[in-house]
């Protein structure tokens, strides 16, 4: 079987993959020359009655919960389709900002429906790639032949709809998943035709082992990331200062900045600076020059040799400065220990936040990996039809999966619920939607609808969408005492 691209995009009820849900999935397979293969997928996924969408998201996409219920399929049905038709061997999943957004939604979708959250993008020679960082690095290093947009303030922007418009690429309906997929393919074709060497290099070096080899070479390299300033096309030169203590990656230092003052800081000061709250500690620069680089996130990295003289001038990144700052860091190996301790402090703070704010099994994907014994039982759940589910009582060793079981049945097969499970489901919905009273999800939802309804610039279509959202919210609101 030959390697293919599968371009995909999601429209969702909000921005958080822990909380929000997928409402529309669009996708198209192509060969490596970017020629479409077969028919595209364009699927709505039913919204379940424990979720209230972000009204602003619905105004953007035009997809109402009622439309998903009328024309969509359940999450379980979609994953059957996804695993049989889409996630076939040797597929490279591609999107626009997909590694940080769409892929995360897909992981949580798999997890809460008893599928492995990761295998879809790595097993059977599958992999993933993110076109956004390809665009960013192309703009920074090889911009010729492509028109690059700026926003209303004259600042560089890489929004998909602006790139397609400026370069006369077809993009009929922005924020429609399938239209965005087709636009993404057209943009990839443009990049491949105008800058084929960089396109091919980044494709071949998306693999975590290739990234790891470059990052751990103890040499400076070029790194493009959304975390860096748009003033320099999101691109700088960095060097790894230490291995990340918990994630598969490294902590890198931005060699654009002089490390003299950074080298003097304690781990506590570095951690505070990293969180943008320096307090009593002095901050040598507005933004900390340290950043986590994860090997498996397809980062756009390249050897320092790609920086031509004109690139150095355009990006204000002279090789002399890069070399000087790299040598300063290499002369202070103890800085690695300070950075490592700072990262550990930040991780502990983040873990405590998750423990306090997110107790439901739905959001606990990243607690730990699921064991092989439970994966066998998960496959039984995946293969069970509605009749079998009515009598299936899986007992998992992982407590998260036991908590997910009644939720899975309620969302996908509500007629199979026992009286006890139906009570658990209603209790869950009550706590999730109206728990906290004035600070509940339902309260914020209806407050936002009221605020949006007062806008004088609303179109007739937008007023219709708000009316639909009002009716939907009322229909799923749990009964209160």
Protein backbone atom coordinates (compact mmCIF):
# COMPACT_ATOMS: atom_id res chain seq x y z
CA UNK A 1 0.00 0.00 0.00
CA UNK A 2 1.41 3.41 -1.00
CA UNK A 3 1.73 6.40 1.31
CA UNK A 4 -1.00 9.02 1.01
CA UNK A 5 -1.92 12.34 2.57
CA UNK A 6 -5.25 12.71 4.34
CA UNK A 7 -6.14 16.38 4.76
CA UNK A 8 -8.75 17.00 7.43
CA UNK A 9 -10.42 19.81 9.35
CA UNK A 10 -12.92 20.09 12.18
CA UNK A 11 -15.62 22.54 13.17
CA UNK A 12 -16.19 22.40 16.92
CA UNK A 13 -18.43 23.78 19.67
CA UNK A 14 -15.51 25.69 21.21
CA UNK A 15 -11.75 25.88 21.57
CA UNK A 16 -11.02 23.47 24.44
CA UNK A 17 -10.59 19.83 23.34
CA UNK A 18 -11.27 18.77 26.94
CA UNK A 19 -14.68 20.42 27.01
CA UNK A 20 -15.85 21.13 23.47
CA UNK A 21 -17.07 18.64 20.86
CA UNK A 22 -16.64 18.07 17.14
CA UNK A 23 -19.68 19.11 15.12
CA UNK A 24 -18.33 18.62 11.59
CA UNK A 25 -15.51 16.51 10.14
CA UNK A 26 -14.24 17.17 6.62
CA UNK A 27 -11.47 15.24 4.89
CA UNK A 28 -9.92 14.36 1.54
CA UNK A 29 -7.22 11.84 0.66
CA UNK A 30 -4.54 12.76 -1.89
CA UNK A 31 -1.40 11.15 -3.27
CA UNK A 32 1.99 12.67 -2.47
CA UNK A 33 1.69 14.87 -5.57
CA UNK A 34 -1.44 16.29 -3.92
CA UNK A 35 -3.86 14.83 -6.46
CA UNK A 36 -7.21 13.98 -4.78
CA UNK A 37 -8.01 10.28 -4.41
CA UNK A 38 -11.60 9.12 -4.03
CA UNK A 39 -14.53 11.04 -2.64
CA UNK A 40 -14.18 13.46 0.29
CA UNK A 41 -15.72 12.89 3.70
CA UNK A 42 -18.12 15.51 5.02
CA UNK A 43 -19.82 14.35 8.21
CA UNK A 44 -21.82 16.00 10.96
CA UNK A 45 -21.55 14.50 14.45
CA UNK A 46 -24.53 14.62 16.79
CA UNK A 47 -24.16 16.91 19.77
CA UNK A 48 -25.08 15.19 23.02
CA UNK A 49 -27.30 16.74 25.66
CA UNK A 50 -24.52 17.22 28.19
CA UNK A 51 -22.79 19.87 26.03
CA UNK A 52 -23.74 23.51 25.43
CA UNK A 53 -21.86 24.97 22.45
CA UNK A 54 -20.06 28.29 22.56
CA UNK A 55 -22.55 30.69 20.89
CA UNK A 56 -19.69 32.58 19.22
CA UNK A 57 -18.47 29.36 17.61
CA UNK A 58 -21.92 28.65 16.18
CA UNK A 59 -22.16 32.19 14.79
CA UNK A 60 -18.84 31.55 13.04
CA UNK A 61 -19.65 28.14 11.55
CA UNK A 62 -23.41 28.36 11.15
CA UNK A 63 -23.79 24.79 12.43
CA UNK A 64 -26.52 24.48 15.06
CA UNK A 65 -26.93 21.58 17.49
CA UNK A 66 -30.31 20.90 15.85
CA UNK A 67 -28.62 20.42 12.48
CA UNK A 68 -26.19 17.86 13.92
CA UNK A 69 -29.09 15.96 15.51
CA UNK A 70 -31.07 15.94 12.27
CA UNK A 71 -28.27 15.12 9.82
CA UNK A 72 -25.41 13.75 11.91
CA UNK A 73 -24.19 10.44 13.29
CA UNK A 74 -23.04 9.56 16.80
CA UNK A 75 -19.41 9.71 17.87
CA UNK A 76 -19.32 5.91 18.03
CA UNK A 77 -20.67 5.64 14.48
CA UNK A 78 -18.19 8.20 13.24
CA UNK A 79 -15.24 6.33 14.77
CA UNK A 80 -16.35 3.14 13.03
CA UNK A 81 -16.22 5.09 9.76
CA UNK A 82 -12.92 6.72 10.69
CA UNK A 83 -11.12 3.50 11.58
CA UNK A 84 -12.29 1.56 8.51
CA UNK A 85 -12.16 4.19 5.75
CA UNK A 86 -9.84 6.97 6.88
CA UNK A 87 -7.15 5.74 9.29
CA UNK A 88 -5.75 3.19 6.86
CA UNK A 89 -2.06 2.15 6.90
CA UNK A 90 0.57 4.63 5.62
CA UNK A 91 -1.70 7.65 5.96
CA UNK A 92 -0.12 11.03 6.71
CA UNK A 93 -2.76 13.15 8.46
CA UNK A 94 -2.38 16.80 7.45
CA UNK A 95 -4.16 19.93 8.61
CA UNK A 96 -3.72 23.64 9.21
CA UNK A 97 -2.81 24.09 12.88
CA UNK A 98 -3.94 20.48 13.30
CA UNK A 99 -1.22 19.32 15.73
CA UNK A 100 -2.29 21.85 18.38
CA UNK A 101 -6.02 21.91 17.64
CA UNK A 102 -7.67 19.25 15.47
CA UNK A 103 -5.42 16.38 16.58
CA UNK A 104 -6.19 17.16 20.23
CA UNK A 105 -9.94 17.01 19.59
CA UNK A 106 -9.45 13.70 17.82
CA UNK A 107 -7.50 12.30 20.77
CA UNK A 108 -10.24 13.16 23.25
CA UNK A 109 -12.88 11.83 20.85
CA UNK A 110 -11.08 8.48 20.69
CA UNK A 111 -10.48 8.36 24.43
CA UNK A 112 -14.06 8.94 25.58
CA UNK A 113 -15.32 6.36 23.06
CA UNK A 114 -12.96 3.54 24.15
CA UNK A 115 -10.40 3.83 21.34
CA UNK A 116 -6.70 4.33 21.87
CA UNK A 117 -6.11 8.08 21.72
CA UNK A 118 -2.81 7.87 19.86
CA UNK A 119 -2.64 4.81 17.60
CA UNK A 120 -4.65 6.44 14.82
CA UNK A 121 -1.73 8.75 14.01
CA UNK A 122 1.29 6.51 14.52
CA UNK A 123 0.58 2.75 14.14
CA UNK A 124 0.66 0.91 10.77
CA UNK A 125 3.12 3.49 9.42
CA UNK A 126 0.68 6.35 9.91
CA UNK A 127 1.97 9.81 10.83
CA UNK A 128 0.93 13.45 10.94
CA UNK A 129 2.05 16.82 9.62
CA UNK A 130 0.98 20.41 10.21
CA UNK A 131 0.90 22.77 7.25
CA UNK A 132 0.77 25.95 9.37
CA UNK A 133 4.41 25.70 10.45
CA UNK A 134 5.38 24.82 6.88
CA UNK A 135 3.73 28.07 5.79
CA UNK A 136 5.50 30.01 8.54
CA UNK A 137 8.96 28.67 7.70
CA UNK A 138 8.40 29.18 3.98
CA UNK A 139 7.46 32.79 4.62
CA UNK A 140 10.54 33.26 6.79
CA UNK A 141 13.15 31.48 4.69
CA UNK A 142 11.89 31.05 1.11
CA UNK A 143 9.11 33.61 0.51
CA UNK A 144 9.58 34.03 -3.24
CA UNK A 145 6.72 33.12 -5.56
CA UNK A 146 3.95 33.42 -2.94
CA UNK A 147 1.91 36.47 -1.91
CA UNK A 148 1.95 36.96 1.85
CA UNK A 149 -0.94 38.70 3.65
CA UNK A 150 -0.87 41.32 6.39
CA UNK A 151 -3.70 42.29 8.72
CA UNK A 152 -5.48 45.64 9.01
CA UNK A 153 -2.60 46.94 11.15
CA UNK A 154 0.01 45.98 8.59
CA UNK A 155 1.29 43.04 10.62
CA UNK A 156 2.12 39.71 9.01
CA UNK A 157 -0.61 37.08 9.31
CA UNK A 158 -0.89 33.51 8.08
CA UNK A 159 -4.64 33.00 8.31
CA UNK A 160 -5.77 30.39 5.82
CA UNK A 161 -8.59 32.45 4.31
CA UNK A 162 -6.23 35.40 3.69
CA UNK A 163 -3.54 33.23 2.13
CA UNK A 164 -6.04 31.64 -0.23
CA UNK A 165 -7.68 34.94 -1.16
CA UNK A 166 -4.42 36.77 -1.85
CA UNK A 167 -3.07 33.89 -3.97
CA UNK A 168 -6.37 33.36 -5.84
CA UNK A 169 -6.94 29.89 -4.42
CA UNK A 170 -10.46 28.48 -4.20
CA UNK A 171 -11.91 28.83 -0.69
CA UNK A 172 -15.64 29.34 -1.09
CA UNK A 173 -16.76 28.88 2.51
CA UNK A 174 -14.26 29.62 5.28
CA UNK A 175 -15.07 27.80 8.54
CA UNK A 176 -16.79 24.98 6.69
CA UNK A 177 -14.68 21.90 7.36
CA UNK A 178 -14.64 20.48 3.83
CA UNK A 179 -14.11 23.89 2.22
CA UNK A 180 -11.18 24.50 4.57
CA UNK A 181 -9.74 21.09 3.62
CA UNK A 182 -9.92 21.90 -0.09
CA UNK A 183 -8.29 25.27 0.56
CA UNK A 184 -5.54 23.57 2.57
CA UNK A 185 -4.81 21.20 -0.32
CA UNK A 186 -4.66 24.13 -2.76
CA UNK A 187 -2.24 25.94 -0.44
CA UNK A 188 -0.07 22.82 -0.16
CA UNK A 189 0.02 22.61 -3.96
CA UNK A 190 1.19 26.23 -4.09
CA UNK A 191 3.93 25.63 -1.53
CA UNK A 192 5.07 22.46 -3.25
CA UNK A 193 5.22 24.13 -6.66
CA UNK A 194 6.93 27.38 -5.57
CA UNK A 195 9.34 26.05 -2.93
CA UNK A 196 9.63 22.29 -3.55
CA UNK A 197 12.95 21.79 -1.74
CA UNK A 198 11.77 23.25 1.57
CA UNK A 199 8.38 21.52 1.25
CA UNK A 200 10.06 18.14 0.73
CA UNK A 201 12.61 18.73 3.48
CA UNK A 202 9.96 19.52 6.09
CA UNK A 203 7.84 16.57 4.98
CA UNK A 204 10.77 14.19 5.32
CA UNK A 205 11.85 15.65 8.66
CA UNK A 206 8.46 15.65 10.39
CA UNK A 207 9.41 12.37 12.10
CA UNK A 208 10.31 12.67 15.78
CA UNK A 209 13.55 10.74 15.35
CA UNK A 210 14.75 13.11 12.63
CA UNK A 211 13.79 16.09 14.80
CA UNK A 212 15.51 14.60 17.83
CA UNK A 213 18.75 14.04 15.89
CA UNK A 214 18.94 17.70 14.84
CA UNK A 215 17.89 19.13 18.22
CA UNK A 216 20.32 16.97 20.20
CA UNK A 217 23.28 17.72 17.93
CA UNK A 218 24.58 20.33 20.42
CA UNK A 219 24.51 22.82 17.55
CA UNK A 220 22.36 25.85 16.85
CA UNK A 221 19.48 25.37 14.40
CA UNK A 222 16.62 27.33 12.89
CA UNK A 223 13.23 26.99 14.55
CA UNK A 224 9.87 28.41 13.42
CA UNK A 225 7.03 28.45 15.93
CA UNK A 226 3.85 30.40 16.64
CA UNK A 227 5.30 31.24 20.06
CA UNK A 228 7.92 33.50 18.50
CA UNK A 229 7.42 37.10 17.42
CA UNK A 230 5.69 37.88 14.15
CA UNK A 231 8.16 40.75 13.77
CA UNK A 232 10.71 38.14 12.68
CA UNK A 233 8.29 35.83 10.85
CA UNK A 234 7.93 33.52 13.89
CA UNK A 235 11.49 32.34 13.30
CA UNK A 236 14.74 32.38 15.24
CA UNK A 237 17.86 30.31 15.88
CA UNK A 238 17.93 28.17 19.02
CA UNK A 239 20.07 25.62 20.81
CA UNK A 240 18.96 22.88 23.19
CA UNK A 241 19.96 23.61 26.79
CA UNK A 242 18.51 20.46 28.38
CA UNK A 243 16.27 17.48 27.85
CA UNK A 244 12.69 18.05 28.96
CA UNK A 245 12.31 16.12 32.25
CA UNK A 246 8.85 14.70 31.44
CA UNK A 247 7.88 15.23 27.82
CA UNK A 248 9.62 13.74 24.81
CA UNK A 249 11.55 16.79 23.81
CA UNK A 250 14.01 19.48 24.80
CA UNK A 251 14.08 22.98 26.22
CA UNK A 252 15.66 25.36 23.72
CA UNK A 253 17.09 28.85 24.11
CA UNK A 254 16.37 31.69 21.68
CA UNK A 255 19.80 32.78 20.51
CA UNK A 256 18.45 36.12 19.34
CA UNK A 257 18.66 37.13 23.01
CA UNK A 258 21.83 37.63 25.02
CA UNK A 259 21.90 34.94 27.75
CA UNK A 260 24.13 36.90 30.18
CA UNK A 261 21.32 37.85 32.59
CA UNK A 262 19.34 34.63 32.11
CA UNK A 263 22.33 32.59 33.28
CA UNK A 264 22.22 34.36 36.66
CA UNK A 265 18.61 33.45 37.51
CA UNK A 266 17.52 30.78 39.96
CA UNK A 267 15.07 28.00 38.95
CA UNK A 268 12.32 29.82 40.87
CA UNK A 269 12.99 33.05 39.00
CA UNK A 270 13.04 31.23 35.67
CA UNK A 271 9.73 29.52 36.47
CA UNK A 272 8.08 32.84 37.39
CA UNK A 273 9.41 34.50 34.27
CA UNK A 274 8.19 31.58 32.15
CA UNK A 275 4.69 32.17 33.48
CA UNK A 276 5.03 35.92 32.69
CA UNK A 277 4.77 36.81 36.39
CA UNK A 278 8.21 37.89 37.50
CA UNK A 279 7.16 39.36 40.84
CA UNK A 280 10.19 40.34 42.83
CA UNK A 281 12.53 38.84 40.22
CA UNK A 282 13.94 41.06 37.45
CA UNK A 283 13.07 40.04 33.87
CA UNK A 284 15.95 40.70 31.45
CA UNK A 285 13.58 40.65 28.44
CA UNK A 286 9.78 40.92 27.92
CA UNK A 287 9.48 37.25 26.97
CA UNK A 288 11.53 34.39 28.33
CA UNK A 289 13.94 33.01 25.69
CA UNK A 290 13.27 29.42 26.82
CA UNK A 291 10.73 27.19 25.07
CA UNK A 292 9.72 23.53 25.12
CA UNK A 293 10.19 21.75 21.80
CA UNK A 294 8.35 18.42 21.57
CA UNK A 295 9.81 15.93 19.10
CA UNK A 296 6.45 14.37 18.15
CA UNK A 297 4.69 17.63 17.26
CA UNK A 298 6.26 18.01 13.79
CA UNK A 299 8.17 21.20 14.68
CA UNK A 300 9.54 23.20 11.75
CA UNK A 301 13.28 22.94 12.33
CA UNK A 302 16.21 23.13 9.93
CA UNK A 303 20.02 23.27 10.06
CA UNK A 304 21.59 26.70 10.45
CA UNK A 305 22.95 26.39 6.91
CA UNK A 306 19.54 27.29 5.45
CA UNK A 307 20.07 30.90 6.57
CA UNK A 308 21.31 32.73 3.50
CA UNK A 309 22.80 36.20 3.84
CA UNK A 310 19.53 37.84 2.77
CA UNK A 311 17.65 35.72 5.32
CA UNK A 312 19.95 36.88 8.10
CA UNK A 313 19.30 40.51 7.17
CA UNK A 314 15.54 40.11 6.76
CA UNK A 315 15.18 38.23 10.07
CA UNK A 316 17.86 40.31 11.83
CA UNK A 317 19.61 37.12 12.79
CA UNK A 318 23.32 37.40 11.98
CA UNK A 319 25.40 34.25 12.34
CA UNK A 320 27.94 36.12 14.48
CA UNK A 321 25.29 36.84 17.13
CA UNK A 322 24.00 33.26 17.03
CA UNK A 323 27.51 31.85 17.48
CA UNK A 324 28.39 34.26 20.30
CA UNK A 325 25.27 33.49 22.34
CA UNK A 326 25.56 29.74 21.74
CA UNK A 327 29.13 29.73 23.06
CA UNK A 328 28.03 31.62 26.19
CA UNK A 329 25.42 28.94 26.94
CA UNK A 330 27.81 26.08 26.21
CA UNK A 331 30.28 27.59 28.69
CA UNK A 332 27.67 27.24 31.48
CA UNK A 333 26.53 23.61 31.65
CA UNK A 334 25.01 24.27 35.09
CA UNK A 335 22.27 26.27 33.34
CA UNK A 336 20.79 22.94 32.24
CA UNK A 337 20.10 21.97 35.87
CA UNK A 338 18.47 25.33 36.63
CA UNK A 339 16.19 25.08 33.59
CA UNK A 340 15.28 21.48 34.41
CA UNK A 341 14.24 22.44 37.93
CA UNK A 342 12.24 25.39 36.60
CA UNK A 343 10.33 23.09 34.23
CA UNK A 344 9.61 20.65 37.06
CA UNK A 345 8.20 23.51 39.17
CA UNK A 346 5.93 24.57 36.31
CA UNK A 347 4.74 21.00 35.74
CA UNK A 348 3.82 20.58 39.41
CA UNK A 349 1.79 23.79 39.32
CA UNK A 350 -0.02 22.62 36.18
CA UNK A 351 -0.80 19.20 37.66
CA UNK A 352 -2.27 20.79 40.79
CA UNK A 353 -4.48 22.99 38.62
CA UNK A 354 -5.80 19.96 36.72
CA UNK A 355 -6.49 18.09 39.96
CA UNK A 356 -8.46 21.04 41.33
CA UNK A 357 -10.36 22.04 38.17
CA UNK A 358 -10.90 18.85 36.17
CA UNK A 359 -12.19 15.84 38.07
CA UNK A 360 -14.43 14.21 35.42
CA UNK A 361 -13.11 11.16 33.58
CA UNK A 362 -13.96 12.87 30.26
CA UNK A 363 -11.06 15.29 30.61
CA UNK A 364 -8.46 12.99 32.19
CA UNK A 365 -6.90 11.62 29.01
CA UNK A 366 -3.41 12.70 29.98
CA UNK A 367 -3.40 11.22 33.49
CA UNK A 368 -1.56 8.13 32.23
CA UNK A 369 -1.53 5.61 29.39
CA UNK A 370 -4.16 2.86 29.30
CA UNK A 371 -2.86 -0.67 29.95
CA UNK A 372 -2.97 -3.53 27.43
CA UNK A 373 -5.44 -5.57 29.48
CA UNK A 374 -7.96 -2.73 29.34
CA UNK A 375 -7.34 -2.23 25.62
CA UNK A 376 -8.66 -5.76 25.00
CA UNK A 377 -11.89 -4.85 26.80
CA UNK A 378 -12.04 -1.55 24.92
CA UNK A 379 -12.09 -3.46 21.64
CA UNK A 380 -15.05 -5.48 22.93
CA UNK A 381 -16.90 -2.21 23.51
CA UNK A 382 -16.03 -0.94 20.03
CA UNK A 383 -17.34 -4.12 18.38
CA UNK A 384 -20.54 -4.43 20.42
CA UNK A 385 -23.78 -3.50 18.72
CA UNK A 386 -26.77 -2.01 20.55
CA UNK A 387 -28.15 -5.43 21.49
CA UNK A 388 -24.84 -6.62 22.90
CA UNK A 389 -24.28 -3.37 24.80
CA UNK A 390 -27.50 -3.85 26.73
CA UNK A 391 -25.98 -6.83 28.57
CA UNK A 392 -22.25 -6.00 28.35
CA UNK A 393 -20.71 -5.14 31.72
CA UNK A 394 -16.98 -4.52 31.21
CA UNK A 395 -14.86 -4.15 34.32
CA UNK A 396 -11.73 -2.12 33.67
CA UNK A 397 -8.67 -1.83 35.87
CA UNK A 398 -8.45 1.85 34.91
CA UNK A 399 -11.00 3.76 36.96
CA UNK A 400 -11.40 6.41 34.26
CA UNK A 401 -12.83 3.82 31.85
CA UNK A 402 -15.34 2.56 34.40
CA UNK A 403 -16.53 6.16 34.84
CA UNK A 404 -16.75 6.64 31.07
CA UNK A 405 -18.85 3.52 30.52
CA UNK A 406 -22.32 4.91 31.44
CA UNK A 407 -21.48 8.18 29.66
CA UNK A 408 -20.55 6.30 26.49
CA UNK A 409 -23.83 4.39 26.52
CA UNK A 410 -25.90 7.51 27.25
CA UNK A 411 -24.30 9.50 24.43
CA UNK A 412 -24.31 6.79 21.77
CA UNK A 413 -26.90 4.15 22.78
CA UNK A 414 -29.34 5.78 25.22
CA UNK A 415 -31.94 3.01 24.88
CA UNK A 416 -29.49 0.53 26.47
CA UNK A 417 -29.25 2.40 29.79
CA UNK A 418 -30.45 0.68 32.93
CA UNK A 419 -32.48 2.71 35.41
CA UNK A 420 -29.38 3.11 37.56
CA UNK A 421 -27.29 4.27 34.60
CA UNK A 422 -29.99 6.70 33.52
CA UNK A 423 -29.93 8.17 37.00
CA UNK A 424 -26.14 8.46 36.82
CA UNK A 425 -26.43 10.21 33.46
CA UNK A 426 -29.00 12.74 34.68
CA UNK A 427 -26.94 13.39 37.79
CA UNK A 428 -23.86 13.93 35.61
CA UNK A 429 -25.72 16.34 33.31
CA UNK A 430 -27.12 18.28 36.26
CA UNK A 431 -23.69 18.69 37.84
CA UNK A 432 -22.04 19.58 34.55
CA UNK A 433 -24.59 22.06 33.19
CA UNK A 434 -26.17 23.73 36.22
CA UNK A 435 -23.73 22.95 39.02
CA UNK A 436 -22.43 26.15 40.57
CA UNK A 437 -25.73 27.98 40.03
CA UNK A 438 -24.86 31.52 38.88
CA UNK A 439 -21.42 30.40 37.72
CA UNK A 440 -22.67 27.28 35.93
CA UNK A 441 -22.13 26.47 32.26
CA UNK A 442 -25.82 27.02 31.61
CA UNK A 443 -25.77 30.43 33.28
CA UNK A 444 -22.81 31.59 31.21
CA UNK A 445 -24.39 30.15 28.06
CA UNK A 446 -27.64 32.07 28.40
CA UNK A 447 -25.81 35.22 29.51
CA UNK A 448 -23.72 35.11 26.35
CA UNK A 449 -26.79 34.59 24.19
CA UNK A 450 -28.41 37.64 25.77
CA UNK A 451 -25.29 39.74 25.21
CA UNK A 452 -25.00 38.69 21.56
CA UNK A 453 -28.68 39.38 20.96
CA UNK A 454 -28.10 43.06 21.81
CA UNK A 455 -25.58 43.56 19.02
CA UNK A 456 -26.97 46.02 16.46
CA UNK A 457 -24.96 44.56 13.57
CA UNK A 458 -26.48 41.07 13.63
CA UNK A 459 -27.68 39.71 10.32
CA UNK A 460 -30.96 37.88 9.90
CA UNK A 461 -29.08 34.58 9.69
CA UNK A 462 -27.21 35.30 12.92
CA UNK A 463 -30.46 36.15 14.75
CA UNK A 464 -31.89 32.85 13.55
CA UNK A 465 -28.83 31.02 14.90
CA UNK A 466 -29.20 32.70 18.30
CA UNK A 467 -32.87 31.72 18.43
CA UNK A 468 -31.96 28.13 17.68
CA UNK A 469 -29.31 28.16 20.40
CA UNK A 470 -31.83 29.55 22.88
CA UNK A 471 -34.29 26.77 22.07
CA UNK A 472 -31.58 24.12 22.24
CA UNK A 473 -30.32 25.31 25.61
CA UNK A 474 -33.82 25.22 27.04
CA UNK A 475 -34.42 21.72 25.65
CA UNK A 476 -31.37 20.14 27.32
CA UNK A 477 -31.46 22.06 30.59
CA UNK A 478 -31.82 19.52 33.42
CA UNK A 479 -34.75 19.80 35.77
CA UNK A 480 -33.86 21.53 39.02
CA UNK A 481 -35.45 21.16 42.43
